[in-house]
Each structure stands twice: as C-alpha cells, then as structure tokens.
Amino acid sequence: PRRQEKYVGVNCAAIPHDLLEGMLFGTTRGAFTGAMDKPGLFESAHGGTLFLDELLAMPVALQAKLLRVLQEKRVQRVGAVRETPVNVKIISSVSRDPRIAIREELLRTDLFYRLGVVMVKLPPLRERRDNMEELVSHFIEKINGRLGTHVKQISREVLELFTAYQWPGNIRELEHLIEGAMNMAGQEKTLGLEHFTPGLDSLQKVE
C-alpha cells in the first residue's frame, strides 16, 4: 500500500556517528554550533518507507533512541522539546547473522525483535552464481542508462571468470567491476577481458 509513497534510504555506515542522529531525527536551531531547524529522514519519509542499510554500523546508544521512535511513533529533533508524530514503514539490512551481532553487542536485542517481524535472507553472490547472467544483464542495462553506452553482454571468457570467482565484495563488487569496464568500452556491444584490465587481475588470480 505504500508503493506510491515516499521512499528514503540511508547507509548508516556512510554517516559519521555524531551526525547520524541529526540526520535521522532532525535538528533544532541552536542545538549545537551551526545547527538549523531541519527535518530528519523520519519526517521526510512520513507516510512512506525508510530503509536503514548497514544497521549494525549504528551505535548501540542511538539504537535505543531508534527503538523509542518505533514504539512511540513520534520523533524528537535534536535540541527540541516537542515531538512530531511519524508514520513510517522500516526496512533494515544487516551484513551478518543478527543473533551473532547481538552476542557481540553490536545490536540491541529489543531492537532486533522490534524490526525482525519479517526477515529475508539474501544468500551471498558466491552461492547464487547460477544467476550470474541475469545479474550482469541487470547491471548492464542500469549502467547503460547512466553512461549512455550500448553494451549488450559480457564475453564468454569474462562470464567464466565471474562464475569461478568467490566475490568477497558481493553484489556491489560485481556492479562496480561492470561499471568500470563499461567506462572503457566506448560504443562496443560486448565487454571483453580487455575492458576489465586491471580490474580482472584479482579474479584471474583465483583460477
């Protein structure tokens, strides 16, 4: 039902800890040096969906404040007195087993049970290499639109390397590798080994 509403995403690992609270919950003028009246991502996503990527990068103390917002459905900007009602659907991701993260004190138990209503496990790329051609086609189409290129496929030699590789960087490594090659391809239709040099060096070493 929210698919036509606002979607806001944030990578918690990409934001410095001291800025993340203000980005999520908003700030009030005078709360700290340079602070302005500014809504946070919860207010921006009101009525829609907020995606919290890399949730384990969020400090445990901030997780407690996040839990309160989820329970009360109200957000308090940094430095503010009053609270603002918010109606937001939360999607979050973690890069490891959340139960292990709880034992390592990277994730609050109560927040896990509050967020983990519906859980979907995405297997790593090395466990779904049968989907490699479909994934490559998806990224080629996506990046063509951004770069104005006209790539159609990768060569059989590149596909064999991709299929044999372990992909420690997972799906993002695949996307970035393809994007780098497409920058070198010009108007060619097929990405060959020559377009990936030196990007394929690490893949070729695992043969």
N, C-alpha and C. Protein backbone atom coordinates (compact mmCIF):
# COMPACT_ATOMS: atom_id res chain seq x y z
N PRO A 1 0.80 -1.23 0.00
CA PRO A 1 0.00 0.00 0.00
C PRO A 1 0.84 1.28 0.00
N ARG A 2 2.11 1.19 0.33
CA ARG A 2 2.96 2.38 0.36
C ARG A 2 3.81 2.54 -0.90
N ARG A 3 3.57 1.71 -1.88
CA ARG A 3 4.48 1.70 -3.03
C ARG A 3 4.47 3.00 -3.83
N GLN A 4 3.41 3.78 -3.71
CA GLN A 4 3.35 5.07 -4.40
C GLN A 4 3.80 6.22 -3.51
N GLU A 5 4.16 5.90 -2.26
CA GLU A 5 4.55 6.95 -1.32
C GLU A 5 6.07 7.13 -1.32
N LYS A 6 6.54 8.04 -0.49
CA LYS A 6 7.96 8.37 -0.45
C LYS A 6 8.79 7.18 0.01
N TYR A 7 9.97 7.06 -0.58
CA TYR A 7 10.96 6.06 -0.17
C TYR A 7 12.26 6.80 0.11
N VAL A 8 12.79 6.62 1.32
CA VAL A 8 14.03 7.28 1.72
C VAL A 8 14.99 6.21 2.21
N GLY A 9 16.21 6.24 1.73
CA GLY A 9 17.21 5.26 2.15
C GLY A 9 18.45 5.94 2.69
N VAL A 10 19.08 5.33 3.69
CA VAL A 10 20.32 5.86 4.25
C VAL A 10 21.24 4.69 4.60
N ASN A 11 22.52 4.83 4.26
CA ASN A 11 23.53 3.86 4.64
C ASN A 11 24.13 4.32 5.97
N CYS A 12 23.81 3.60 7.04
CA CYS A 12 24.26 4.02 8.36
C CYS A 12 25.77 3.97 8.50
N ALA A 13 26.43 3.15 7.69
CA ALA A 13 27.89 3.04 7.76
C ALA A 13 28.58 4.22 7.08
N ALA A 14 27.85 4.94 6.25
CA ALA A 14 28.45 6.03 5.49
C ALA A 14 28.35 7.38 6.18
N ILE A 15 27.64 7.43 7.31
CA ILE A 15 27.42 8.68 8.02
C ILE A 15 28.19 8.66 9.34
N PRO A 16 29.00 9.67 9.62
CA PRO A 16 29.70 9.73 10.91
C PRO A 16 28.71 9.62 12.07
N HIS A 17 29.12 8.93 13.13
CA HIS A 17 28.22 8.67 14.25
C HIS A 17 27.64 9.95 14.84
N ASP A 18 28.45 11.00 14.92
CA ASP A 18 27.97 12.23 15.55
C ASP A 18 26.98 13.00 14.67
N LEU A 19 26.85 12.61 13.42
CA LEU A 19 25.90 13.27 12.51
C LEU A 19 24.66 12.43 12.26
N LEU A 20 24.75 11.13 12.56
CA LEU A 20 23.67 10.22 12.19
C LEU A 20 22.38 10.53 12.94
N GLU A 21 22.48 10.87 14.22
CA GLU A 21 21.27 11.16 14.99
C GLU A 21 20.52 12.34 14.39
N GLY A 22 21.22 13.42 14.09
CA GLY A 22 20.57 14.58 13.50
C GLY A 22 19.99 14.28 12.13
N MET A 23 20.67 13.42 11.37
CA MET A 23 20.17 13.09 10.04
C MET A 23 18.88 12.28 10.13
N LEU A 24 18.82 11.37 11.10
CA LEU A 24 17.63 10.53 11.25
C LEU A 24 16.46 11.29 11.86
N PHE A 25 16.72 12.04 12.92
CA PHE A 25 15.64 12.61 13.71
C PHE A 25 15.44 14.11 13.48
N GLY A 26 16.40 14.76 12.82
CA GLY A 26 16.28 16.18 12.57
C GLY A 26 16.99 17.00 13.65
N THR A 27 17.12 18.29 13.40
CA THR A 27 17.82 19.19 14.32
C THR A 27 17.00 20.45 14.55
N THR A 28 17.33 21.14 15.65
CA THR A 28 16.69 22.40 16.00
C THR A 28 17.75 23.49 16.06
N ARG A 29 17.41 24.67 15.59
CA ARG A 29 18.34 25.79 15.62
C ARG A 29 18.88 26.01 17.04
N GLY A 30 20.20 26.10 17.16
CA GLY A 30 20.81 26.34 18.45
C GLY A 30 21.14 25.10 19.25
N ALA A 31 20.77 23.92 18.74
CA ALA A 31 21.06 22.69 19.48
C ALA A 31 22.56 22.47 19.62
N PHE A 32 23.30 22.89 18.62
CA PHE A 32 24.76 22.86 18.65
C PHE A 32 25.24 23.89 17.65
N THR A 33 26.52 24.13 17.62
CA THR A 33 27.07 25.16 16.73
C THR A 33 26.73 24.86 15.28
N GLY A 34 26.06 25.80 14.64
CA GLY A 34 25.69 25.65 13.25
C GLY A 34 24.40 24.90 13.01
N ALA A 35 23.75 24.45 14.07
CA ALA A 35 22.51 23.68 13.90
C ALA A 35 21.39 24.57 13.37
N MET A 36 20.60 24.01 12.48
CA MET A 36 19.47 24.70 11.87
C MET A 36 18.20 23.89 12.11
N ASP A 37 17.06 24.54 11.95
CA ASP A 37 15.79 23.81 12.00
C ASP A 37 15.69 22.96 10.72
N LYS A 38 15.79 21.67 10.89
CA LYS A 38 15.83 20.80 9.73
C LYS A 38 15.17 19.46 10.05
N PRO A 39 14.22 19.01 9.23
CA PRO A 39 13.60 17.71 9.48
C PRO A 39 14.59 16.58 9.21
N GLY A 40 14.43 15.49 9.95
CA GLY A 40 15.25 14.31 9.72
C GLY A 40 14.62 13.38 8.70
N LEU A 41 15.26 12.25 8.50
CA LEU A 41 14.77 11.30 7.50
C LEU A 41 13.44 10.68 7.89
N PHE A 42 13.20 10.54 9.19
CA PHE A 42 11.91 10.01 9.61
C PHE A 42 10.78 10.94 9.19
N GLU A 43 10.95 12.22 9.41
CA GLU A 43 9.92 13.18 8.99
C GLU A 43 9.82 13.23 7.47
N SER A 44 10.96 13.14 6.79
CA SER A 44 10.95 13.19 5.32
C SER A 44 10.23 11.98 4.73
N ALA A 45 10.30 10.84 5.44
CA ALA A 45 9.69 9.61 4.92
C ALA A 45 8.27 9.41 5.44
N HIS A 46 7.72 10.40 6.14
CA HIS A 46 6.39 10.27 6.74
C HIS A 46 5.36 9.81 5.70
N GLY A 47 4.64 8.76 6.04
CA GLY A 47 3.65 8.19 5.12
C GLY A 47 4.23 7.15 4.19
N GLY A 48 5.56 7.05 4.15
CA GLY A 48 6.19 6.12 3.21
C GLY A 48 7.11 5.14 3.91
N THR A 49 8.27 4.90 3.31
CA THR A 49 9.18 3.85 3.75
C THR A 49 10.58 4.42 3.97
N LEU A 50 11.22 4.00 5.06
CA LEU A 50 12.60 4.37 5.36
C LEU A 50 13.44 3.11 5.39
N PHE A 51 14.50 3.09 4.58
CA PHE A 51 15.41 1.93 4.52
C PHE A 51 16.69 2.27 5.27
N LEU A 52 16.98 1.51 6.32
CA LEU A 52 18.19 1.68 7.12
C LEU A 52 19.17 0.59 6.71
N ASP A 53 20.08 0.93 5.83
CA ASP A 53 21.08 -0.03 5.34
C ASP A 53 22.25 -0.07 6.33
N GLU A 54 22.86 -1.25 6.46
CA GLU A 54 24.01 -1.42 7.37
C GLU A 54 23.66 -0.97 8.79
N LEU A 55 22.59 -1.52 9.31
CA LEU A 55 22.10 -1.11 10.63
C LEU A 55 23.12 -1.34 11.74
N LEU A 56 23.97 -2.36 11.59
CA LEU A 56 24.94 -2.68 12.64
C LEU A 56 25.98 -1.58 12.82
N ALA A 57 26.09 -0.67 11.87
CA ALA A 57 27.03 0.44 12.00
C ALA A 57 26.48 1.54 12.91
N MET A 58 25.21 1.44 13.27
CA MET A 58 24.61 2.44 14.15
C MET A 58 25.03 2.18 15.60
N PRO A 59 25.53 3.19 16.32
CA PRO A 59 25.92 2.99 17.72
C PRO A 59 24.76 2.45 18.55
N VAL A 60 25.08 1.61 19.53
CA VAL A 60 24.04 0.99 20.35
C VAL A 60 23.21 2.04 21.07
N ALA A 61 23.83 3.13 21.53
CA ALA A 61 23.08 4.19 22.21
C ALA A 61 22.05 4.81 21.28
N LEU A 62 22.39 4.96 20.02
CA LEU A 62 21.45 5.53 19.06
C LEU A 62 20.36 4.51 18.71
N GLN A 63 20.70 3.23 18.77
CA GLN A 63 19.69 2.19 18.56
C GLN A 63 18.57 2.29 19.58
N ALA A 64 18.92 2.67 20.82
CA ALA A 64 17.90 2.83 21.86
C ALA A 64 16.93 3.95 21.50
N LYS A 65 17.44 5.04 20.95
CA LYS A 65 16.57 6.15 20.54
C LYS A 65 15.72 5.75 19.33
N LEU A 66 16.31 4.97 18.45
CA LEU A 66 15.56 4.47 17.30
C LEU A 66 14.40 3.59 17.77
N LEU A 67 14.67 2.72 18.73
CA LEU A 67 13.63 1.84 19.26
C LEU A 67 12.47 2.65 19.83
N ARG A 68 12.78 3.71 20.55
CA ARG A 68 11.72 4.54 21.13
C ARG A 68 10.85 5.17 20.05
N VAL A 69 11.49 5.64 18.98
CA VAL A 69 10.72 6.22 17.88
C VAL A 69 9.79 5.18 17.27
N LEU A 70 10.28 3.97 17.10
CA LEU A 70 9.48 2.91 16.51
C LEU A 70 8.30 2.54 17.40
N GLN A 71 8.54 2.54 18.71
CA GLN A 71 7.48 2.17 19.64
C GLN A 71 6.45 3.28 19.81
N GLU A 72 6.92 4.50 19.92
CA GLU A 72 6.01 5.62 20.20
C GLU A 72 5.44 6.24 18.93
N LYS A 73 6.09 5.96 17.79
CA LYS A 73 5.70 6.57 16.51
C LYS A 73 5.73 8.10 16.58
N ARG A 74 6.70 8.59 17.31
CA ARG A 74 6.92 10.02 17.44
C ARG A 74 8.42 10.26 17.45
N VAL A 75 8.86 11.35 16.83
CA VAL A 75 10.28 11.66 16.75
C VAL A 75 10.55 13.02 17.38
N GLN A 76 11.67 13.11 18.07
CA GLN A 76 12.06 14.38 18.71
C GLN A 76 13.37 14.84 18.08
N ARG A 77 13.35 16.00 17.45
CA ARG A 77 14.57 16.52 16.84
C ARG A 77 15.61 16.81 17.90
N VAL A 78 16.87 16.74 17.51
CA VAL A 78 17.96 17.04 18.43
C VAL A 78 17.82 18.49 18.90
N GLY A 79 17.74 18.67 20.21
CA GLY A 79 17.62 20.00 20.78
C GLY A 79 16.20 20.50 20.91
N ALA A 80 15.22 19.72 20.46
CA ALA A 80 13.82 20.16 20.51
C ALA A 80 13.15 19.67 21.79
N VAL A 81 12.02 20.30 22.12
CA VAL A 81 11.22 19.90 23.28
C VAL A 81 10.03 19.07 22.84
N ARG A 82 9.37 19.50 21.80
CA ARG A 82 8.18 18.80 21.37
C ARG A 82 8.52 17.63 20.44
N GLU A 83 7.59 16.71 20.33
CA GLU A 83 7.75 15.55 19.46
C GLU A 83 6.80 15.66 18.26
N THR A 84 7.19 15.01 17.18
CA THR A 84 6.39 15.05 15.95
C THR A 84 5.93 13.65 15.60
N PRO A 85 4.63 13.44 15.38
CA PRO A 85 4.15 12.11 15.01
C PRO A 85 4.71 11.71 13.62
N VAL A 86 5.09 10.46 13.48
CA VAL A 86 5.56 9.96 12.20
C VAL A 86 4.94 8.59 11.93
N ASN A 87 4.63 8.36 10.69
CA ASN A 87 4.08 7.08 10.24
C ASN A 87 5.00 6.55 9.15
N VAL A 88 5.91 5.68 9.53
CA VAL A 88 6.95 5.23 8.61
C VAL A 88 7.08 3.72 8.67
N LYS A 89 7.16 3.09 7.50
CA LYS A 89 7.48 1.66 7.43
C LYS A 89 9.00 1.53 7.37
N ILE A 90 9.56 0.65 8.20
CA ILE A 90 11.00 0.50 8.28
C ILE A 90 11.44 -0.80 7.60
N ILE A 91 12.42 -0.67 6.73
CA ILE A 91 13.14 -1.83 6.19
C ILE A 91 14.59 -1.64 6.60
N SER A 92 15.22 -2.67 7.11
CA SER A 92 16.61 -2.56 7.52
C SER A 92 17.41 -3.75 7.00
N SER A 93 18.72 -3.57 6.92
CA SER A 93 19.58 -4.67 6.48
C SER A 93 20.78 -4.77 7.41
N VAL A 94 21.24 -5.99 7.60
CA VAL A 94 22.47 -6.26 8.35
C VAL A 94 23.33 -7.19 7.51
N SER A 95 24.64 -7.06 7.66
CA SER A 95 25.55 -7.81 6.81
C SER A 95 26.01 -9.12 7.43
N ARG A 96 25.45 -9.44 8.60
CA ARG A 96 25.81 -10.70 9.26
C ARG A 96 24.62 -11.20 10.05
N ASP A 97 24.71 -12.42 10.56
CA ASP A 97 23.63 -13.01 11.34
C ASP A 97 23.31 -12.09 12.53
N PRO A 98 22.07 -11.61 12.63
CA PRO A 98 21.74 -10.67 13.71
C PRO A 98 21.91 -11.26 15.10
N ARG A 99 21.74 -12.56 15.24
CA ARG A 99 21.90 -13.18 16.57
C ARG A 99 23.36 -13.18 17.00
N ILE A 100 24.26 -13.33 16.04
CA ILE A 100 25.69 -13.21 16.36
C ILE A 100 26.00 -11.76 16.72
N ALA A 101 25.40 -10.82 15.99
CA ALA A 101 25.62 -9.40 16.28
C ALA A 101 25.12 -9.05 17.68
N ILE A 102 24.05 -9.67 18.13
CA ILE A 102 23.54 -9.43 19.48
C ILE A 102 24.55 -9.92 20.51
N ARG A 103 25.10 -11.11 20.29
CA ARG A 103 26.10 -11.65 21.23
C ARG A 103 27.35 -10.77 21.28
N GLU A 104 27.68 -10.17 20.17
CA GLU A 104 28.85 -9.30 20.11
C GLU A 104 28.53 -7.87 20.52
N GLU A 105 27.29 -7.64 20.97
CA GLU A 105 26.83 -6.34 21.47
C GLU A 105 26.89 -5.25 20.41
N LEU A 106 26.65 -5.65 19.17
CA LEU A 106 26.55 -4.69 18.07
C LEU A 106 25.10 -4.34 17.76
N LEU A 107 24.18 -5.14 18.29
CA LEU A 107 22.76 -4.95 18.01
C LEU A 107 21.97 -5.20 19.29
N ARG A 108 21.06 -4.28 19.60
CA ARG A 108 20.21 -4.44 20.77
C ARG A 108 19.19 -5.55 20.53
N THR A 109 19.00 -6.39 21.54
CA THR A 109 18.04 -7.49 21.41
C THR A 109 16.63 -6.96 21.17
N ASP A 110 16.22 -5.94 21.93
CA ASP A 110 14.86 -5.43 21.80
C ASP A 110 14.63 -4.79 20.43
N LEU A 111 15.65 -4.15 19.87
CA LEU A 111 15.51 -3.57 18.54
C LEU A 111 15.39 -4.66 17.49
N PHE A 112 16.16 -5.73 17.66
CA PHE A 112 16.08 -6.85 16.72
C PHE A 112 14.66 -7.42 16.67
N TYR A 113 14.06 -7.65 17.84
CA TYR A 113 12.72 -8.22 17.85
C TYR A 113 11.68 -7.22 17.36
N ARG A 114 11.97 -5.93 17.52
CA ARG A 114 11.02 -4.92 17.02
C ARG A 114 11.08 -4.84 15.50
N LEU A 115 12.28 -4.96 14.94
CA LEU A 115 12.42 -4.84 13.49
C LEU A 115 12.25 -6.17 12.76
N GLY A 116 12.61 -7.26 13.43
CA GLY A 116 12.65 -8.56 12.74
C GLY A 116 11.31 -9.25 12.63
N VAL A 117 10.29 -8.53 12.20
CA VAL A 117 8.95 -9.12 12.05
C VAL A 117 8.93 -10.05 10.84
N VAL A 118 9.40 -9.55 9.73
CA VAL A 118 9.54 -10.37 8.52
C VAL A 118 11.01 -10.30 8.11
N MET A 119 11.66 -11.46 8.06
CA MET A 119 13.08 -11.49 7.72
C MET A 119 13.31 -12.23 6.41
N VAL A 120 14.16 -11.68 5.60
CA VAL A 120 14.52 -12.28 4.31
C VAL A 120 16.03 -12.45 4.27
N LYS A 121 16.49 -13.66 4.06
CA LYS A 121 17.92 -13.90 3.97
C LYS A 121 18.35 -13.87 2.51
N LEU A 122 19.26 -12.98 2.19
CA LEU A 122 19.80 -12.89 0.84
C LEU A 122 21.12 -13.65 0.79
N PRO A 123 21.19 -14.74 0.07
CA PRO A 123 22.44 -15.50 0.01
C PRO A 123 23.53 -14.69 -0.68
N PRO A 124 24.78 -14.87 -0.27
CA PRO A 124 25.87 -14.14 -0.93
C PRO A 124 26.00 -14.54 -2.38
N LEU A 125 26.62 -13.68 -3.16
CA LEU A 125 26.73 -13.91 -4.59
C LEU A 125 27.42 -15.23 -4.91
N ARG A 126 28.38 -15.63 -4.09
CA ARG A 126 29.11 -16.88 -4.36
C ARG A 126 28.19 -18.10 -4.27
N GLU A 127 27.03 -17.96 -3.62
CA GLU A 127 26.08 -19.06 -3.50
C GLU A 127 24.97 -19.00 -4.55
N ARG A 128 24.99 -18.02 -5.40
CA ARG A 128 23.96 -17.93 -6.44
C ARG A 128 24.58 -17.54 -7.78
N ARG A 129 25.68 -18.19 -8.09
CA ARG A 129 26.35 -17.88 -9.34
C ARG A 129 25.60 -18.38 -10.56
N ASP A 130 24.59 -19.24 -10.32
CA ASP A 130 23.72 -19.65 -11.44
C ASP A 130 22.93 -18.47 -11.98
N ASN A 131 22.79 -17.42 -11.18
CA ASN A 131 22.07 -16.22 -11.60
C ASN A 131 22.98 -15.17 -12.21
N MET A 132 24.23 -15.51 -12.46
CA MET A 132 25.22 -14.52 -12.87
C MET A 132 24.80 -13.79 -14.15
N GLU A 133 24.34 -14.51 -15.15
CA GLU A 133 23.99 -13.85 -16.41
C GLU A 133 22.85 -12.86 -16.22
N GLU A 134 21.86 -13.22 -15.41
CA GLU A 134 20.74 -12.30 -15.16
C GLU A 134 21.20 -11.06 -14.40
N LEU A 135 22.08 -11.25 -13.43
CA LEU A 135 22.58 -10.12 -12.66
C LEU A 135 23.43 -9.20 -13.53
N VAL A 136 24.28 -9.80 -14.35
CA VAL A 136 25.11 -8.99 -15.26
C VAL A 136 24.23 -8.18 -16.21
N SER A 137 23.21 -8.82 -16.77
CA SER A 137 22.30 -8.12 -17.68
C SER A 137 21.60 -6.96 -16.99
N HIS A 138 21.21 -7.17 -15.74
CA HIS A 138 20.55 -6.11 -14.98
C HIS A 138 21.46 -4.90 -14.82
N PHE A 139 22.71 -5.14 -14.43
CA PHE A 139 23.63 -4.04 -14.19
C PHE A 139 24.02 -3.35 -15.50
N ILE A 140 24.16 -4.11 -16.56
CA ILE A 140 24.49 -3.52 -17.85
C ILE A 140 23.38 -2.56 -18.28
N GLU A 141 22.14 -3.01 -18.14
CA GLU A 141 21.01 -2.15 -18.52
C GLU A 141 20.96 -0.89 -17.65
N LYS A 142 21.18 -1.07 -16.36
CA LYS A 142 21.16 0.05 -15.43
C LYS A 142 22.25 1.07 -15.76
N ILE A 143 23.46 0.58 -16.00
CA ILE A 143 24.59 1.47 -16.21
C ILE A 143 24.56 2.08 -17.61
N ASN A 144 24.03 1.37 -18.59
CA ASN A 144 23.85 1.95 -19.93
C ASN A 144 23.06 3.25 -19.84
N GLY A 145 22.00 3.23 -19.05
CA GLY A 145 21.17 4.43 -18.94
C GLY A 145 21.90 5.59 -18.31
N ARG A 146 22.86 5.30 -17.45
CA ARG A 146 23.61 6.36 -16.77
C ARG A 146 24.76 6.88 -17.61
N LEU A 147 25.43 5.98 -18.35
CA LEU A 147 26.62 6.36 -19.11
C LEU A 147 26.33 6.68 -20.57
N GLY A 148 25.16 6.30 -21.04
CA GLY A 148 24.86 6.50 -22.46
C GLY A 148 25.57 5.50 -23.35
N THR A 149 25.99 4.37 -22.80
CA THR A 149 26.65 3.32 -23.57
C THR A 149 25.61 2.37 -24.15
N HIS A 150 26.08 1.41 -24.96
CA HIS A 150 25.16 0.49 -25.64
C HIS A 150 25.64 -0.95 -25.51
N VAL A 151 26.18 -1.27 -24.35
CA VAL A 151 26.67 -2.62 -24.10
C VAL A 151 25.49 -3.58 -24.00
N LYS A 152 25.66 -4.77 -24.57
CA LYS A 152 24.60 -5.78 -24.55
C LYS A 152 24.92 -6.97 -23.66
N GLN A 153 26.23 -7.31 -23.55
CA GLN A 153 26.57 -8.54 -22.87
C GLN A 153 28.05 -8.54 -22.50
N ILE A 154 28.46 -9.59 -21.74
CA ILE A 154 29.87 -9.83 -21.49
C ILE A 154 30.29 -11.05 -22.32
N SER A 155 31.57 -11.15 -22.56
CA SER A 155 32.06 -12.28 -23.35
C SER A 155 32.01 -13.57 -22.54
N ARG A 156 32.10 -14.69 -23.24
CA ARG A 156 32.10 -15.99 -22.58
C ARG A 156 33.28 -16.12 -21.62
N GLU A 157 34.45 -15.57 -21.99
CA GLU A 157 35.63 -15.65 -21.13
C GLU A 157 35.40 -14.90 -19.82
N VAL A 158 34.78 -13.73 -19.90
CA VAL A 158 34.50 -12.95 -18.70
C VAL A 158 33.48 -13.67 -17.83
N LEU A 159 32.46 -14.25 -18.45
CA LEU A 159 31.44 -14.98 -17.69
C LEU A 159 32.05 -16.15 -16.94
N GLU A 160 32.99 -16.84 -17.56
CA GLU A 160 33.65 -17.97 -16.90
C GLU A 160 34.44 -17.50 -15.68
N LEU A 161 35.13 -16.35 -15.81
CA LEU A 161 35.85 -15.80 -14.66
C LEU A 161 34.89 -15.40 -13.55
N PHE A 162 33.80 -14.75 -13.92
CA PHE A 162 32.81 -14.33 -12.94
C PHE A 162 32.24 -15.53 -12.19
N THR A 163 31.99 -16.61 -12.90
CA THR A 163 31.38 -17.79 -12.30
C THR A 163 32.33 -18.51 -11.36
N ALA A 164 33.63 -18.43 -11.63
CA ALA A 164 34.62 -19.12 -10.80
C ALA A 164 35.04 -18.31 -9.57
N TYR A 165 34.79 -17.01 -9.60
CA TYR A 165 35.27 -16.11 -8.55
C TYR A 165 34.41 -16.24 -7.29
N GLN A 166 35.00 -15.94 -6.12
CA GLN A 166 34.29 -16.08 -4.84
C GLN A 166 33.52 -14.83 -4.41
N TRP A 167 33.78 -13.69 -5.01
CA TRP A 167 33.07 -12.43 -4.76
C TRP A 167 33.03 -12.04 -3.30
N PRO A 168 34.19 -11.77 -2.69
CA PRO A 168 34.18 -11.32 -1.29
C PRO A 168 33.46 -9.99 -1.10
N GLY A 169 33.42 -9.16 -2.15
CA GLY A 169 32.72 -7.88 -2.06
C GLY A 169 31.26 -7.96 -2.44
N ASN A 170 30.80 -9.18 -2.73
CA ASN A 170 29.40 -9.46 -3.02
C ASN A 170 28.88 -8.68 -4.23
N ILE A 171 27.59 -8.35 -4.20
CA ILE A 171 26.93 -7.80 -5.38
C ILE A 171 27.47 -6.43 -5.76
N ARG A 172 27.92 -5.66 -4.76
CA ARG A 172 28.45 -4.33 -5.05
C ARG A 172 29.76 -4.44 -5.82
N GLU A 173 30.56 -5.45 -5.51
CA GLU A 173 31.80 -5.65 -6.24
C GLU A 173 31.50 -5.95 -7.70
N LEU A 174 30.49 -6.77 -7.95
CA LEU A 174 30.11 -7.09 -9.32
C LEU A 174 29.67 -5.83 -10.06
N GLU A 175 28.82 -5.04 -9.44
CA GLU A 175 28.32 -3.83 -10.09
C GLU A 175 29.45 -2.86 -10.42
N HIS A 176 30.36 -2.65 -9.47
CA HIS A 176 31.44 -1.69 -9.69
C HIS A 176 32.42 -2.19 -10.75
N LEU A 177 32.64 -3.49 -10.79
CA LEU A 177 33.54 -4.05 -11.79
C LEU A 177 32.96 -3.86 -13.20
N ILE A 178 31.65 -4.10 -13.33
CA ILE A 178 31.00 -3.92 -14.63
C ILE A 178 30.99 -2.45 -15.02
N GLU A 179 30.72 -1.57 -14.07
CA GLU A 179 30.70 -0.14 -14.38
C GLU A 179 32.07 0.33 -14.86
N GLY A 180 33.14 -0.15 -14.20
CA GLY A 180 34.47 0.24 -14.63
C GLY A 180 34.77 -0.21 -16.05
N ALA A 181 34.35 -1.42 -16.39
CA ALA A 181 34.58 -1.94 -17.75
C ALA A 181 33.77 -1.17 -18.78
N MET A 182 32.54 -0.79 -18.41
CA MET A 182 31.69 -0.07 -19.36
C MET A 182 32.22 1.32 -19.63
N ASN A 183 32.93 1.89 -18.70
CA ASN A 183 33.58 3.17 -18.95
C ASN A 183 34.69 3.04 -19.98
N MET A 184 35.24 1.85 -20.12
CA MET A 184 36.32 1.60 -21.07
C MET A 184 35.81 1.10 -22.41
N ALA A 185 34.54 0.70 -22.47
CA ALA A 185 34.03 0.01 -23.66
C ALA A 185 33.65 0.93 -24.80
N GLY A 186 33.44 2.21 -24.52
CA GLY A 186 33.02 3.12 -25.59
C GLY A 186 31.68 2.69 -26.15
N GLN A 187 31.61 2.49 -27.46
CA GLN A 187 30.37 2.10 -28.10
C GLN A 187 30.33 0.61 -28.46
N GLU A 188 31.25 -0.16 -27.91
CA GLU A 188 31.25 -1.59 -28.18
C GLU A 188 30.08 -2.27 -27.49
N LYS A 189 29.63 -3.39 -28.06
CA LYS A 189 28.44 -4.07 -27.56
C LYS A 189 28.75 -5.14 -26.53
N THR A 190 29.97 -5.67 -26.57
CA THR A 190 30.34 -6.78 -25.69
C THR A 190 31.54 -6.40 -24.83
N LEU A 191 31.44 -6.68 -23.53
CA LEU A 191 32.55 -6.43 -22.62
C LEU A 191 33.48 -7.65 -22.64
N GLY A 192 34.72 -7.41 -23.05
CA GLY A 192 35.70 -8.48 -23.09
C GLY A 192 36.74 -8.32 -22.01
N LEU A 193 37.68 -9.25 -21.94
CA LEU A 193 38.72 -9.20 -20.93
C LEU A 193 39.50 -7.89 -20.97
N GLU A 194 39.69 -7.35 -22.18
CA GLU A 194 40.49 -6.15 -22.33
C GLU A 194 39.86 -4.93 -21.67
N HIS A 195 38.55 -4.94 -21.50
CA HIS A 195 37.87 -3.80 -20.89
C HIS A 195 38.00 -3.79 -19.37
N PHE A 196 38.34 -4.92 -18.79
CA PHE A 196 38.40 -5.03 -17.34
C PHE A 196 39.80 -4.84 -16.77
N THR A 197 40.81 -4.81 -17.63
CA THR A 197 42.18 -4.68 -17.15
C THR A 197 42.40 -3.29 -16.54
N PRO A 198 42.96 -3.15 -15.32
CA PRO A 198 43.43 -4.23 -14.43
C PRO A 198 42.37 -4.74 -13.46
N GLY A 199 41.12 -4.42 -13.71
CA GLY A 199 40.06 -4.81 -12.78
C GLY A 199 39.89 -6.31 -12.61
N LEU A 200 40.26 -7.07 -13.64
CA LEU A 200 40.09 -8.52 -13.56
C LEU A 200 41.29 -9.22 -12.95
N ASP A 201 42.33 -8.49 -12.60
CA ASP A 201 43.54 -9.14 -12.07
C ASP A 201 43.22 -10.00 -10.87
N SER A 202 42.42 -9.46 -9.94
CA SER A 202 42.14 -10.22 -8.73
C SER A 202 41.30 -11.45 -9.03
N LEU A 203 40.44 -11.38 -10.05
CA LEU A 203 39.63 -12.53 -10.41
C LEU A 203 40.49 -13.61 -11.05
N GLN A 204 41.44 -13.20 -11.89
CA GLN A 204 42.25 -14.18 -12.61
C GLN A 204 43.19 -14.90 -11.67
N LYS A 205 43.54 -14.28 -10.54
CA LYS A 205 44.45 -14.91 -9.60
C LYS A 205 43.83 -16.10 -8.90
N VAL A 206 42.48 -16.18 -8.89
CA VAL A 206 41.84 -17.26 -8.16
C VAL A 206 41.67 -18.50 -9.02
N GLU A 207 42.01 -18.44 -10.26
CA GLU A 207 41.83 -19.60 -11.13
C GLU A 207 42.72 -20.75 -10.69
